[in-house]
Amino acid sequence: MREWSPYREVNPPHLDGYFRATQGEFRLIALPGHRTRLEGRTRYVLDMFPQSYWTLPADRLVTAIHRRVLRHIKAGAEEEEHQ
């Protein structure tokens, strides 16, 4: 993440280590009719207080990233299917 600033170098400590993705994976699941479902999973560590407050926005952010990536993969797969 980059801090928006008019200064060239900014090293904000509040962006360092408080949200860390620790593992990510994609899974292909066979479906009937020669179809496949692609699932994305990410594990992360959230180290911000109060954690109960920040968990919901963090989960929503990770979910939005997954949806965007999966839509991109789907569009590419469907484009190749029609060629």
C-alpha atoms as a PDB file:
ATOM      1  CA  MET A   1       0.000   0.000   0.000  1.00  0.00           C
ATOM      2  CA  ARG A   2       1.293   3.472  -0.797  1.00  0.00           C
ATOM      3  CA  GLU A   3       0.569   6.566   1.217  1.00  0.00           C
ATOM      4  CA  TRP A   4      -0.762   9.522  -0.773  1.00  0.00           C
ATOM      5  CA  SER A   5       1.524  12.416  -0.034  1.00  0.00           C
ATOM      6  CA  PRO A   6       3.093  15.390  -1.761  1.00  0.00           C
ATOM      7  CA  TYR A   7       6.430  14.208  -0.326  1.00  0.00           C
ATOM      8  CA  ARG A   8       8.713  11.857  -2.243  1.00  0.00           C
ATOM      9  CA  GLU A   9       9.559   9.428   0.572  1.00  0.00           C
ATOM     10  CA  VAL A  10       7.093   8.682   3.329  1.00  0.00           C
ATOM     11  CA  ASN A  11       7.495   5.714   5.647  1.00  0.00           C
ATOM     12  CA  PRO A  12       4.287   5.681   7.705  1.00  0.00           C
ATOM     13  CA  PRO A  13       4.538   3.158  10.558  1.00  0.00           C
ATOM     14  CA  HIS A  14       0.755   2.650  10.540  1.00  0.00           C
ATOM     15  CA  LEU A  15       1.046   0.800   7.197  1.00  0.00           C
ATOM     16  CA  ASP A  16       3.774  -1.596   8.324  1.00  0.00           C
ATOM     17  CA  GLY A  17       2.759  -5.059   9.496  1.00  0.00           C
ATOM     18  CA  TYR A  18      -0.769  -4.472  10.721  1.00  0.00           C
ATOM     19  CA  PHE A  19      -2.373  -6.467   7.909  1.00  0.00           C
ATOM     20  CA  ARG A  20      -0.324  -9.344   6.534  1.00  0.00           C
ATOM     21  CA  ALA A  21      -1.446 -11.959   4.044  1.00  0.00           C
ATOM     22  CA  THR A  22       0.123 -15.204   5.245  1.00  0.00           C
ATOM     23  CA  GLN A  23      -1.199 -17.700   2.702  1.00  0.00           C
ATOM     24  CA  GLY A  24      -3.174 -17.692  -0.524  1.00  0.00           C
ATOM     25  CA  GLU A  25      -4.423 -20.441  -2.778  1.00  0.00           C
ATOM     26  CA  PHE A  26      -6.718 -21.255  -5.658  1.00  0.00           C
ATOM     27  CA  ARG A  27      -8.659 -24.503  -5.828  1.00  0.00           C
ATOM     28  CA  LEU A  28     -10.216 -26.101  -8.899  1.00  0.00           C
ATOM     29  CA  ILE A  29     -13.352 -28.125  -8.133  1.00  0.00           C
ATOM     30  CA  ALA A  30     -14.799 -30.433 -10.774  1.00  0.00           C
ATOM     31  CA  LEU A  31     -18.517 -29.921 -11.416  1.00  0.00           C
ATOM     32  CA  PRO A  32     -21.011 -31.950 -13.453  1.00  0.00           C
ATOM     33  CA  GLY A  33     -21.228 -31.224 -17.159  1.00  0.00           C
ATOM     34  CA  HIS A  34     -17.470 -30.750 -17.706  1.00  0.00           C
ATOM     35  CA  ARG A  35     -17.526 -27.541 -15.675  1.00  0.00           C
ATOM     36  CA  THR A  36     -15.077 -26.314 -13.065  1.00  0.00           C
ATOM     37  CA  ARG A  37     -15.430 -23.994 -10.101  1.00  0.00           C
ATOM     38  CA  LEU A  38     -12.442 -21.895  -9.080  1.00  0.00           C
ATOM     39  CA  GLU A  39     -12.218 -20.863  -5.426  1.00  0.00           C
ATOM     40  CA  GLY A  40      -9.765 -18.415  -3.941  1.00  0.00           C
ATOM     41  CA  ARG A  41      -8.729 -18.367  -0.294  1.00  0.00           C
ATOM     42  CA  THR A  42      -6.493 -16.038   1.650  1.00  0.00           C
ATOM     43  CA  ARG A  43      -5.343 -16.275   5.227  1.00  0.00           C
ATOM     44  CA  TYR A  44      -4.177 -13.135   6.916  1.00  0.00           C
ATOM     45  CA  VAL A  45      -3.134 -11.677  10.229  1.00  0.00           C
ATOM     46  CA  LEU A  46      -4.840  -8.520  11.420  1.00  0.00           C
ATOM     47  CA  ASP A  47      -2.951  -6.715  14.160  1.00  0.00           C
ATOM     48  CA  MET A  48      -4.941  -3.517  14.708  1.00  0.00           C
ATOM     49  CA  PHE A  49      -6.842  -2.470  17.797  1.00  0.00           C
ATOM     50  CA  PRO A  50      -9.698  -2.963  18.303  1.00  0.00           C
ATOM     51  CA  GLN A  51      -9.508  -6.140  16.256  1.00  0.00           C
ATOM     52  CA  SER A  52     -13.255  -6.767  16.484  1.00  0.00           C
ATOM     53  CA  TYR A  53     -13.807  -3.426  14.713  1.00  0.00           C
ATOM     54  CA  TRP A  54     -11.247  -3.927  11.934  1.00  0.00           C
ATOM     55  CA  THR A  55     -12.096  -7.573  11.128  1.00  0.00           C
ATOM     56  CA  LEU A  56     -15.241  -6.735   9.139  1.00  0.00           C
ATOM     57  CA  PRO A  57     -13.603  -4.164   6.805  1.00  0.00           C
ATOM     58  CA  ALA A  58     -10.572  -6.443   6.345  1.00  0.00           C
ATOM     59  CA  ASP A  59     -12.808  -9.397   5.405  1.00  0.00           C
ATOM     60  CA  ARG A  60     -14.736  -7.213   2.963  1.00  0.00           C
ATOM     61  CA  LEU A  61     -11.511  -5.991   1.380  1.00  0.00           C
ATOM     62  CA  VAL A  62     -10.154  -9.511   0.900  1.00  0.00           C
ATOM     63  CA  THR A  63     -13.520 -10.653  -0.504  1.00  0.00           C
ATOM     64  CA  ALA A  64     -13.555  -7.743  -2.974  1.00  0.00           C
ATOM     65  CA  ILE A  65     -10.031  -8.620  -4.121  1.00  0.00           C
ATOM     66  CA  HIS A  66     -11.033 -12.264  -4.606  1.00  0.00           C
ATOM     67  CA  ARG A  67     -14.096 -11.309  -6.640  1.00  0.00           C
ATOM     68  CA  ARG A  68     -12.081  -9.002  -8.859  1.00  0.00           C
ATOM     69  CA  VAL A  69      -9.393 -11.615  -9.503  1.00  0.00           C
ATOM     70  CA  LEU A  70     -11.938 -14.373 -10.125  1.00  0.00           C
ATOM     71  CA  ARG A  71     -13.955 -12.169 -12.526  1.00  0.00           C
ATOM     72  CA  HIS A  72     -10.760 -11.444 -14.444  1.00  0.00           C
ATOM     73  CA  ILE A  73      -9.888 -15.148 -14.680  1.00  0.00           C
ATOM     74  CA  LYS A  74     -13.465 -15.986 -15.725  1.00  0.00           C
ATOM     75  CA  ALA A  75     -13.458 -13.356 -18.469  1.00  0.00           C
ATOM     76  CA  GLY A  76     -10.177 -14.689 -19.839  1.00  0.00           C
ATOM     77  CA  ALA A  77     -11.384 -18.296 -19.734  1.00  0.00           C
ATOM     78  CA  GLU A  78     -14.656 -17.452 -21.466  1.00  0.00           C
ATOM     79  CA  GLU A  79     -12.822 -15.431 -24.115  1.00  0.00           C
ATOM     80  CA  GLU A  80     -10.576 -18.414 -24.909  1.00  0.00           C
ATOM     81  CA  GLU A  81     -13.607 -20.729 -24.978  1.00  0.00           C
ATOM     82  CA  HIS A  82     -15.234 -18.629 -27.724  1.00  0.00           C
ATOM     83  CA  GLN A  83     -12.143 -18.519 -29.945  1.00  0.00           C
END
